[in-house]
């Protein structure tokens, strides 16, 4: 798996939940499809995300993390889909919000977003 995943510590989770709305999914939901360019970064706050290839799950993350940011910023399609599992909590972070975080080096989230190896 080549997906860039940044695992979140409790301080980063708190900063994200203080700044953005948390979405809870009552059922499984395909958020990004295979070969699609993501339209947001995904912060998994609680729950699970499955990676899907050829309509079948092949990897699961059950730890708080940020993913999809590098592909979003570069405009590159994912080689797999992302399925949010039932009762999971996520935050969606758009490209303009990521750019704003990169400009604010004093933000608690700057290092998290910068850690996604984005060239801005």
Protein backbone atom coordinates (compact mmCIF):
# COMPACT_ATOMS: atom_id res chain seq x y z
CA UNK A 1 0.00 0.00 0.00
CA UNK A 2 1.47 3.35 -1.04
CA UNK A 3 -1.19 5.60 0.52
CA UNK A 4 0.31 8.38 2.64
CA UNK A 5 -1.29 8.04 6.07
CA UNK A 6 -0.46 10.34 8.97
CA UNK A 7 -1.60 8.91 12.28
CA UNK A 8 -3.15 11.44 14.66
CA UNK A 9 -2.26 11.95 18.30
CA UNK A 10 -4.78 13.18 20.88
CA UNK A 11 -3.67 16.83 20.57
CA UNK A 12 -4.16 16.77 16.78
CA UNK A 13 -7.58 15.14 17.15
CA UNK A 14 -8.60 17.84 19.62
CA UNK A 15 -7.35 20.61 17.32
CA UNK A 16 -9.26 19.12 14.36
CA UNK A 17 -12.50 18.64 16.30
CA UNK A 18 -12.28 22.20 17.66
CA UNK A 19 -11.86 23.65 14.16
CA UNK A 20 -14.02 21.43 11.93
CA UNK A 21 -17.37 19.64 12.00
CA UNK A 22 -17.26 15.92 12.73
CA UNK A 23 -19.44 13.75 10.49
CA UNK A 24 -20.78 10.43 11.78
CA UNK A 25 -21.79 7.78 9.26
CA UNK A 26 -24.69 5.54 10.25
CA UNK A 27 -23.82 2.98 7.58
CA UNK A 28 -20.93 2.05 5.29
CA UNK A 29 -20.30 4.75 2.69
CA UNK A 30 -17.93 4.86 -0.30
CA UNK A 31 -16.30 8.27 0.02
CA UNK A 32 -13.72 7.98 -2.77
CA UNK A 33 -13.79 5.54 -5.67
CA UNK A 34 -10.86 3.74 -7.27
CA UNK A 35 -9.09 5.98 -9.86
CA UNK A 36 -10.87 9.11 -8.58
CA UNK A 37 -9.00 12.26 -7.53
CA UNK A 38 -10.06 12.95 -3.93
CA UNK A 39 -12.00 16.19 -3.41
CA UNK A 40 -11.10 16.42 0.30
CA UNK A 41 -8.59 15.13 2.78
CA UNK A 42 -10.07 12.68 5.28
CA UNK A 43 -9.36 12.77 8.99
CA UNK A 44 -10.57 9.56 10.63
CA UNK A 45 -11.39 10.55 14.19
CA UNK A 46 -12.99 7.31 15.34
CA UNK A 47 -14.00 4.09 13.62
CA UNK A 48 -12.65 2.39 10.51
CA UNK A 49 -11.83 3.05 6.86
CA UNK A 50 -11.44 0.24 4.31
CA UNK A 51 -9.42 0.57 1.15
CA UNK A 52 -11.22 -1.00 -1.82
CA UNK A 53 -9.67 -2.39 -5.01
CA UNK A 54 -11.82 -3.96 -7.74
CA UNK A 55 -14.87 -3.71 -5.43
CA UNK A 56 -13.18 -5.75 -2.69
CA UNK A 57 -11.68 -4.55 0.63
CA UNK A 58 -7.94 -5.21 0.89
CA UNK A 59 -6.80 -3.08 3.84
CA UNK A 60 -8.42 -1.52 6.89
CA UNK A 61 -7.36 1.34 9.16
CA UNK A 62 -8.86 1.49 12.65
CA UNK A 63 -6.59 4.18 14.10
CA UNK A 64 -7.16 7.93 13.92
CA UNK A 65 -5.35 9.29 10.87
CA UNK A 66 -5.27 11.85 8.08
CA UNK A 67 -5.19 10.56 4.52
CA UNK A 68 -5.75 11.65 0.93
CA UNK A 69 -4.16 15.08 1.42
CA UNK A 70 -1.15 14.55 -0.83
CA UNK A 71 -3.30 13.12 -3.66
CA UNK A 72 -5.81 15.95 -3.27
CA UNK A 73 -3.13 18.64 -3.48
CA UNK A 74 -1.35 17.01 -6.43
CA UNK A 75 -4.58 16.12 -8.24
CA UNK A 76 -3.58 12.48 -8.57
CA UNK A 77 -6.20 9.73 -8.66
CA UNK A 78 -6.18 7.10 -5.93
CA UNK A 79 -5.34 3.57 -6.99
CA UNK A 80 -8.02 2.37 -4.56
CA UNK A 81 -11.30 3.52 -3.09
CA UNK A 82 -12.04 4.49 0.53
CA UNK A 83 -15.08 3.17 2.34
CA UNK A 84 -16.07 4.71 5.65
CA UNK A 85 -17.44 1.99 7.92
CA UNK A 86 -20.63 2.20 9.96
CA UNK A 87 -20.54 4.48 13.04
CA UNK A 88 -17.21 6.02 12.02
CA UNK A 89 -16.48 9.68 12.67
CA UNK A 90 -14.53 11.72 10.14
CA UNK A 91 -13.67 15.28 9.24
CA UNK A 92 -13.43 16.36 5.60
CA UNK A 93 -10.78 19.00 4.91
CA UNK A 94 -10.94 20.80 1.56
CA UNK A 95 -8.04 22.01 -0.53
CA UNK A 96 -8.53 25.69 0.38
CA UNK A 97 -8.53 24.78 4.09
CA UNK A 98 -5.32 22.78 3.67
CA UNK A 99 -3.68 25.71 1.88
CA UNK A 100 -4.76 28.01 4.73
CA UNK A 101 -3.27 25.61 7.30
CA UNK A 102 0.01 25.55 5.36
CA UNK A 103 0.18 29.36 5.52
CA UNK A 104 -0.41 29.42 9.28
CA UNK A 105 2.76 27.96 10.77
CA UNK A 106 1.48 28.69 14.30
CA UNK A 107 -1.50 26.39 13.83
CA UNK A 108 -1.43 23.14 15.81
CA UNK A 109 -2.34 21.44 12.53
CA UNK A 110 0.48 22.93 10.40
CA UNK A 111 2.94 20.09 11.05
CA UNK A 112 0.27 17.47 10.48
CA UNK A 113 -0.63 18.85 7.06
CA UNK A 114 2.98 19.65 6.17
CA UNK A 115 3.85 16.06 7.11
CA UNK A 116 1.80 14.93 4.12
CA UNK A 117 4.79 15.96 1.95
CA UNK A 118 2.90 18.61 0.01
CA UNK A 119 4.86 21.05 -2.10
CA UNK A 120 2.16 23.68 -1.59
